[in-house]
Amino acid sequence: MARNKNQFSDMLTLKMRTWDYYWERLSNIALSVFEWKNLPVTVDPRFLELSIYRNGMCVFFKDPVMGYLALPCMIGGQFNVYNIPTQRVAYAANGYQMQLDESNSVLIFHNYTHDVPVWDMEMFASRLCDYQRTIDINIHAQKTPIVVMCDDNERYSFVKMMQDYEGDIPLIFANKALNTKDVTTLKIDAPFVADKVAELHTMVWNDAMTYLGISNVNVTKKERLITDEVQRNMGGTLASRYSPLEMRRQAAAEINRMFGLDIDVDFREDLLIYQQDILNNPMGNEGEEEDE
């Protein structure tokens, strides 16, 4: 019972670490896709995006002592004609708070529907974790597809022989008294499906990249894609950028009007590199002549 409990605990720990791995990777990508320009030195762009990522929004304002800040906020009060809350309370982990309203602050939302992106990244991380663990388990099942049924008195001998086998020992020795007549083996013969699950894993990862607006080929076609296929596939990726980028640009324009600044924001452009590597050379290096 204790052994089974330890195995369950180890498997649960591995699954949690796998989930953390994908969540961290996706989160870091999501936090770095937007490039803020001309921000005041007192505004941390990483923390600005982190606040939007965790809460779906943050508030930009000017503190009379520290200067311009972009912090998490709580919203309340009445709504204006566009359903934007008029009252905001900026806060920080050190206990800082500032009462604000629409006359002295600007809310920066993630997208048009004011979603919280971390929830979507948690969903993608869960699916990727499940597929990855399925792949690992299926591959492991190919390694040990045999169940040995024997007397308890002989169990240690078979365990020792299995350890020698796993350790690539060229000669495995057994006692002559070892009873092999009453031993029965059961072949599990787990079907190999890891390759098919890996395709699903790739599809989900590419779906996450498309959601974030990151260039990718969101198909699992084994043949080489022609240039037109890649260009059409990029449509969904580019469309995913519109809403979150436009909301940040609208907020930047309102901040500039309110405080006389010159802030701008753009998507970190990877499309030029993508076009050079794939669109302009869809056949890879196969068409290049070897140096004489």
Protein backbone atom coordinates (compact mmCIF):
# COMPACT_ATOMS: atom_id res chain seq x y z
CA MET A 1 0.00 0.00 0.00
CA ALA A 2 2.82 2.40 0.92
CA ARG A 3 4.60 1.64 -2.37
CA ASN A 4 1.45 2.36 -4.37
CA LYS A 5 0.93 5.58 -2.42
CA ASN A 6 4.50 6.69 -3.18
CA GLN A 7 4.05 5.90 -6.87
CA PHE A 8 0.85 7.93 -6.99
CA SER A 9 2.57 10.82 -5.21
CA ASP A 10 5.50 10.71 -7.64
CA MET A 11 3.20 10.65 -10.67
CA LEU A 12 1.11 13.53 -9.29
CA THR A 13 4.26 15.56 -8.64
CA LEU A 14 5.49 14.91 -12.18
CA LYS A 15 2.15 15.97 -13.63
CA MET A 16 2.16 19.18 -11.57
CA ARG A 17 5.70 19.97 -12.73
CA THR A 18 4.72 19.33 -16.33
CA TRP A 19 1.75 21.69 -15.97
CA ASP A 20 3.99 24.34 -14.39
CA TYR A 21 6.47 23.93 -17.25
CA TYR A 22 3.90 24.69 -19.93
CA TRP A 23 2.20 27.44 -17.94
CA GLU A 24 5.52 29.20 -17.39
CA ARG A 25 6.47 28.91 -21.07
CA LEU A 26 3.12 30.22 -22.30
CA SER A 27 3.03 32.98 -19.68
CA ASN A 28 6.47 34.28 -20.60
CA ILE A 29 5.52 34.38 -24.26
CA ALA A 30 2.22 36.13 -23.50
CA LEU A 31 3.96 38.74 -21.34
CA SER A 32 6.53 39.64 -23.97
CA VAL A 33 4.55 39.99 -27.21
CA PHE A 34 3.83 43.73 -26.82
CA GLU A 35 6.50 46.41 -27.01
CA TRP A 36 5.75 49.65 -25.17
CA LYS A 37 7.60 52.73 -26.40
CA ASN A 38 8.36 56.06 -24.70
CA LEU A 39 7.02 54.98 -21.31
CA PRO A 40 8.06 57.20 -18.37
CA VAL A 41 11.01 55.75 -16.47
CA THR A 42 8.78 55.18 -13.44
CA VAL A 43 6.53 52.77 -15.36
CA ASP A 44 7.72 49.16 -15.52
CA PRO A 45 6.49 47.61 -18.82
CA ARG A 46 6.92 44.09 -17.43
CA PHE A 47 4.71 44.84 -14.43
CA LEU A 48 2.22 46.67 -16.65
CA GLU A 49 1.77 43.59 -18.83
CA LEU A 50 1.83 41.28 -15.80
CA SER A 51 -1.06 43.23 -14.24
CA ILE A 52 -3.08 42.97 -17.47
CA TYR A 53 -2.21 39.28 -17.78
CA ARG A 54 -3.42 38.41 -14.27
CA ASN A 55 -6.40 40.78 -14.03
CA GLY A 56 -7.38 41.66 -17.58
CA MET A 57 -6.60 45.33 -16.93
CA CYS A 58 -4.42 47.85 -15.11
CA VAL A 59 -4.65 51.59 -14.44
CA PHE A 60 -2.26 54.34 -15.57
CA PHE A 61 -2.06 57.50 -13.45
CA LYS A 62 0.32 60.05 -11.96
CA ASP A 63 1.27 59.84 -8.30
CA PRO A 64 2.18 63.26 -6.82
CA VAL A 65 5.37 61.84 -5.29
CA MET A 66 6.51 58.89 -7.42
CA GLY A 67 5.33 60.16 -10.80
CA TYR A 68 3.63 58.07 -13.47
CA LEU A 69 2.64 54.51 -12.50
CA ALA A 70 0.81 51.57 -14.06
CA LEU A 71 -0.59 49.26 -11.37
CA PRO A 72 -3.29 46.66 -10.73
CA CYS A 73 -6.61 48.14 -9.72
CA MET A 74 -10.04 47.48 -8.31
CA ILE A 75 -12.97 49.04 -10.16
CA GLY A 76 -16.29 50.29 -8.84
CA GLY A 77 -18.73 53.17 -8.80
CA GLN A 78 -20.98 54.15 -11.67
CA PHE A 79 -20.44 53.20 -15.30
CA ASN A 80 -20.07 55.80 -18.02
CA VAL A 81 -22.07 55.60 -21.26
CA TYR A 82 -19.60 53.05 -22.62
CA ASN A 83 -19.87 50.75 -19.56
CA ILE A 84 -16.42 51.73 -18.26
CA PRO A 85 -16.24 52.02 -14.43
CA THR A 86 -15.62 55.59 -13.32
CA GLN A 87 -14.00 54.75 -9.96
CA ARG A 88 -10.67 52.90 -9.64
CA VAL A 89 -8.39 52.05 -6.74
CA ALA A 90 -4.77 51.41 -7.69
CA TYR A 91 -2.86 49.13 -5.33
CA ALA A 92 0.48 47.39 -4.86
CA ALA A 93 1.81 44.48 -2.81
CA ASN A 94 3.54 46.84 -0.36
CA GLY A 95 0.21 48.29 0.78
CA TYR A 96 0.15 51.29 -1.56
CA GLN A 97 -3.31 52.52 -2.59
CA MET A 98 -4.56 55.47 -4.61
CA GLN A 99 -8.18 56.52 -5.14
CA LEU A 100 -8.71 57.47 -8.78
CA ASP A 101 -11.44 58.27 -11.28
CA GLU A 102 -11.82 58.76 -15.02
CA SER A 103 -10.56 62.35 -14.79
CA ASN A 104 -7.07 61.45 -13.58
CA SER A 105 -6.45 57.88 -14.73
CA VAL A 106 -6.79 55.57 -17.72
CA LEU A 107 -7.76 51.90 -17.65
CA ILE A 108 -5.76 49.62 -19.95
CA PHE A 109 -7.78 46.51 -20.86
CA HIS A 110 -6.42 43.35 -22.48
CA ASN A 111 -8.92 43.12 -25.32
CA TYR A 112 -12.34 44.26 -26.50
CA THR A 113 -14.19 41.76 -24.27
CA HIS A 114 -12.03 42.62 -21.24
CA ASP A 115 -10.91 39.01 -20.80
CA VAL A 116 -8.33 37.76 -18.30
CA PRO A 117 -5.65 36.06 -20.45
CA VAL A 118 -4.15 33.96 -17.65
CA TRP A 119 -7.31 31.82 -17.63
CA ASP A 120 -6.80 30.89 -21.28
CA MET A 121 -3.13 30.08 -20.67
CA GLU A 122 -4.16 27.78 -17.81
CA MET A 123 -6.49 25.94 -20.21
CA PHE A 124 -3.75 25.52 -22.82
CA ALA A 125 -1.27 24.40 -20.15
CA SER A 126 -3.71 21.75 -18.88
CA ARG A 127 -4.27 20.31 -22.35
CA LEU A 128 -0.56 20.30 -23.18
CA CYS A 129 0.22 18.68 -19.82
CA ASP A 130 -2.35 15.91 -20.40
CA TYR A 131 -1.02 15.14 -23.88
CA GLN A 132 2.61 15.18 -22.75
CA ARG A 133 1.96 12.85 -19.82
CA THR A 134 -0.01 10.52 -22.12
CA ILE A 135 2.98 10.41 -24.47
CA ASP A 136 5.37 9.69 -21.59
CA ILE A 137 3.18 6.92 -20.17
CA ASN A 138 2.65 5.30 -23.57
CA ILE A 139 6.37 5.31 -24.33
CA HIS A 140 7.10 3.84 -20.90
CA ALA A 141 4.57 1.09 -21.57
CA GLN A 142 6.63 0.04 -24.60
CA LYS A 143 9.64 -0.45 -22.33
CA THR A 144 8.07 -2.83 -19.78
CA PRO A 145 5.20 -4.69 -21.47
CA ILE A 146 5.39 -7.86 -19.34
CA VAL A 147 3.72 -8.84 -16.05
CA VAL A 148 5.33 -11.73 -14.13
CA MET A 149 3.11 -13.84 -11.88
CA CYS A 150 5.13 -15.97 -9.44
CA ASP A 151 5.26 -17.22 -5.86
CA ASP A 152 6.09 -14.61 -3.22
CA ASN A 153 9.19 -16.60 -2.29
CA GLU A 154 10.54 -16.16 -5.82
CA ARG A 155 9.57 -12.51 -6.21
CA TYR A 156 12.88 -11.05 -5.04
CA SER A 157 14.83 -13.19 -7.50
CA PHE A 158 12.76 -11.95 -10.43
CA VAL A 159 13.05 -8.34 -9.22
CA LYS A 160 16.83 -8.74 -9.05
CA MET A 161 16.96 -10.20 -12.55
CA MET A 162 14.82 -7.33 -13.82
CA GLN A 163 17.19 -4.81 -12.25
CA ASP A 164 20.10 -6.51 -14.01
CA TYR A 165 18.15 -6.37 -17.24
CA GLU A 166 17.38 -2.65 -16.82
CA GLY A 167 21.08 -2.06 -16.05
CA ASP A 168 22.15 -3.67 -19.34
CA ILE A 169 24.06 -6.46 -17.57
CA PRO A 170 25.30 -8.83 -20.35
CA LEU A 171 25.00 -11.97 -18.16
CA ILE A 172 22.15 -12.51 -15.70
CA PHE A 173 22.73 -15.24 -13.11
CA ALA A 174 19.98 -17.16 -11.30
CA ASN A 175 20.00 -19.78 -8.57
CA LYS A 176 19.44 -23.38 -9.72
CA ALA A 177 16.73 -23.69 -7.08
CA LEU A 178 14.68 -20.95 -8.74
CA ASN A 179 11.24 -22.33 -9.52
CA THR A 180 10.29 -21.45 -13.07
CA LYS A 181 7.53 -24.04 -13.55
CA ASP A 182 4.86 -22.07 -11.72
CA VAL A 183 5.82 -18.76 -13.31
CA THR A 184 3.34 -17.15 -15.70
CA THR A 185 3.96 -14.07 -17.80
CA LEU A 186 1.35 -11.73 -19.18
CA LYS A 187 2.25 -9.49 -22.08
CA ILE A 188 0.51 -6.13 -21.85
CA ASP A 189 1.27 -5.19 -25.47
CA ALA A 190 0.28 -1.56 -25.07
CA PRO A 191 -0.37 -0.09 -28.54
CA PHE A 192 2.03 2.68 -29.55
CA VAL A 193 -0.03 5.84 -29.93
CA ALA A 194 2.54 8.41 -28.79
CA ASP A 195 3.07 9.67 -32.34
CA LYS A 196 -0.64 10.37 -32.81
CA VAL A 197 -0.90 12.10 -29.43
CA ALA A 198 2.19 14.14 -30.35
CA GLU A 199 0.30 15.49 -33.35
CA LEU A 200 -2.51 16.62 -31.05
CA HIS A 201 0.10 18.15 -28.74
CA THR A 202 1.55 20.12 -31.66
CA MET A 203 -1.91 21.27 -32.73
CA VAL A 204 -2.70 22.59 -29.24
CA TRP A 205 0.67 24.34 -28.95
CA ASN A 206 0.18 25.98 -32.36
CA ASP A 207 -3.36 26.93 -31.36
CA ALA A 208 -1.93 28.69 -28.30
CA MET A 209 0.60 30.51 -30.50
CA THR A 210 -2.18 31.57 -32.87
CA TYR A 211 -4.20 32.84 -29.88
CA LEU A 212 -1.18 34.94 -28.83
CA GLY A 213 -0.57 36.18 -32.38
CA ILE A 214 2.74 34.33 -32.72
CA SER A 215 3.68 33.15 -36.22
CA ASN A 216 3.30 29.40 -36.63
CA VAL A 217 2.20 26.78 -39.13
CA ASN A 218 -0.98 25.59 -37.46
CA VAL A 219 -1.25 22.34 -39.42
CA THR A 220 0.28 18.88 -39.03
CA LYS A 221 0.59 18.18 -42.74
CA LYS A 222 3.69 16.05 -43.32
CA GLU A 223 4.28 17.28 -46.85
CA ARG A 224 5.93 20.63 -47.37
CA LEU A 225 3.52 23.56 -47.41
CA ILE A 226 3.43 25.80 -50.43
CA THR A 227 3.81 29.55 -49.93
CA ASP A 228 0.10 30.24 -50.48
CA GLU A 229 -0.90 27.71 -47.79
CA VAL A 230 1.41 29.34 -45.25
CA GLN A 231 0.12 32.83 -46.10
CA ARG A 232 -3.52 31.77 -45.70
CA ASN A 233 -2.73 30.08 -42.40
CA MET A 234 -1.20 33.33 -41.09
CA GLY A 235 -4.60 35.04 -41.34
CA GLY A 236 -5.83 33.69 -38.00
CA THR A 237 -2.55 34.57 -36.34
CA LEU A 238 -2.66 38.17 -37.52
CA ALA A 239 -6.36 38.51 -36.61
CA SER A 240 -5.59 37.39 -33.05
CA ARG A 241 -3.37 40.45 -32.65
CA TYR A 242 -6.01 43.03 -33.55
CA SER A 243 -8.13 43.19 -30.40
CA PRO A 244 -5.41 43.20 -27.70
CA LEU A 245 -3.17 45.53 -29.71
CA GLU A 246 -5.97 47.98 -30.48
CA MET A 247 -7.07 48.17 -26.84
CA ARG A 248 -3.51 49.04 -25.78
CA ARG A 249 -3.21 51.62 -28.55
CA GLN A 250 -6.51 53.22 -27.56
CA ALA A 251 -5.34 53.40 -23.95
CA ALA A 252 -1.99 54.88 -25.04
CA ALA A 253 -3.78 57.56 -27.08
CA GLU A 254 -6.00 58.47 -24.11
CA ILE A 255 -2.97 58.59 -21.78
CA ASN A 256 -1.17 60.89 -24.21
CA ARG A 257 -4.15 63.25 -24.35
CA MET A 258 -4.60 63.28 -20.57
CA PHE A 259 -0.96 63.66 -19.54
CA GLY A 260 0.75 65.13 -22.61
CA LEU A 261 2.96 62.09 -23.21
CA ASP A 262 4.06 60.31 -26.38
CA ILE A 263 3.50 56.63 -25.49
CA ASP A 264 3.09 54.06 -28.23
CA VAL A 265 2.74 50.26 -28.29
CA ASP A 266 3.25 47.67 -30.99
CA PHE A 267 3.42 43.93 -31.45
CA ARG A 268 6.95 42.54 -31.35
CA GLU A 269 7.31 41.78 -35.02
CA ASP A 270 8.39 38.28 -35.91
CA LEU A 271 6.63 38.20 -39.27
CA LEU A 272 9.58 39.58 -41.25
CA ILE A 273 11.86 36.78 -40.05
CA TYR A 274 9.06 34.29 -40.62
CA GLN A 275 8.58 35.47 -44.20
CA GLN A 276 12.29 35.32 -44.91
CA ASP A 277 12.74 31.81 -43.52
CA ILE A 278 9.55 30.20 -44.80
CA LEU A 279 7.58 32.28 -47.30
CA ASN A 280 10.52 33.33 -49.44
CA ASN A 281 12.18 29.92 -49.19
CA PRO A 282 9.37 27.37 -48.76
CA MET A 283 11.55 24.45 -49.86
CA GLY A 284 14.19 25.08 -47.18
CA ASN A 285 17.75 24.38 -48.29
CA GLU A 286 16.83 21.77 -50.83
CA GLY A 287 16.91 24.26 -53.68
CA GLU A 288 20.35 25.59 -52.80
CA GLU A 289 23.33 24.42 -54.73
CA GLU A 290 26.23 22.94 -52.84
CA ASP A 291 29.45 24.91 -52.74
CA GLU A 292 32.03 23.57 -55.10
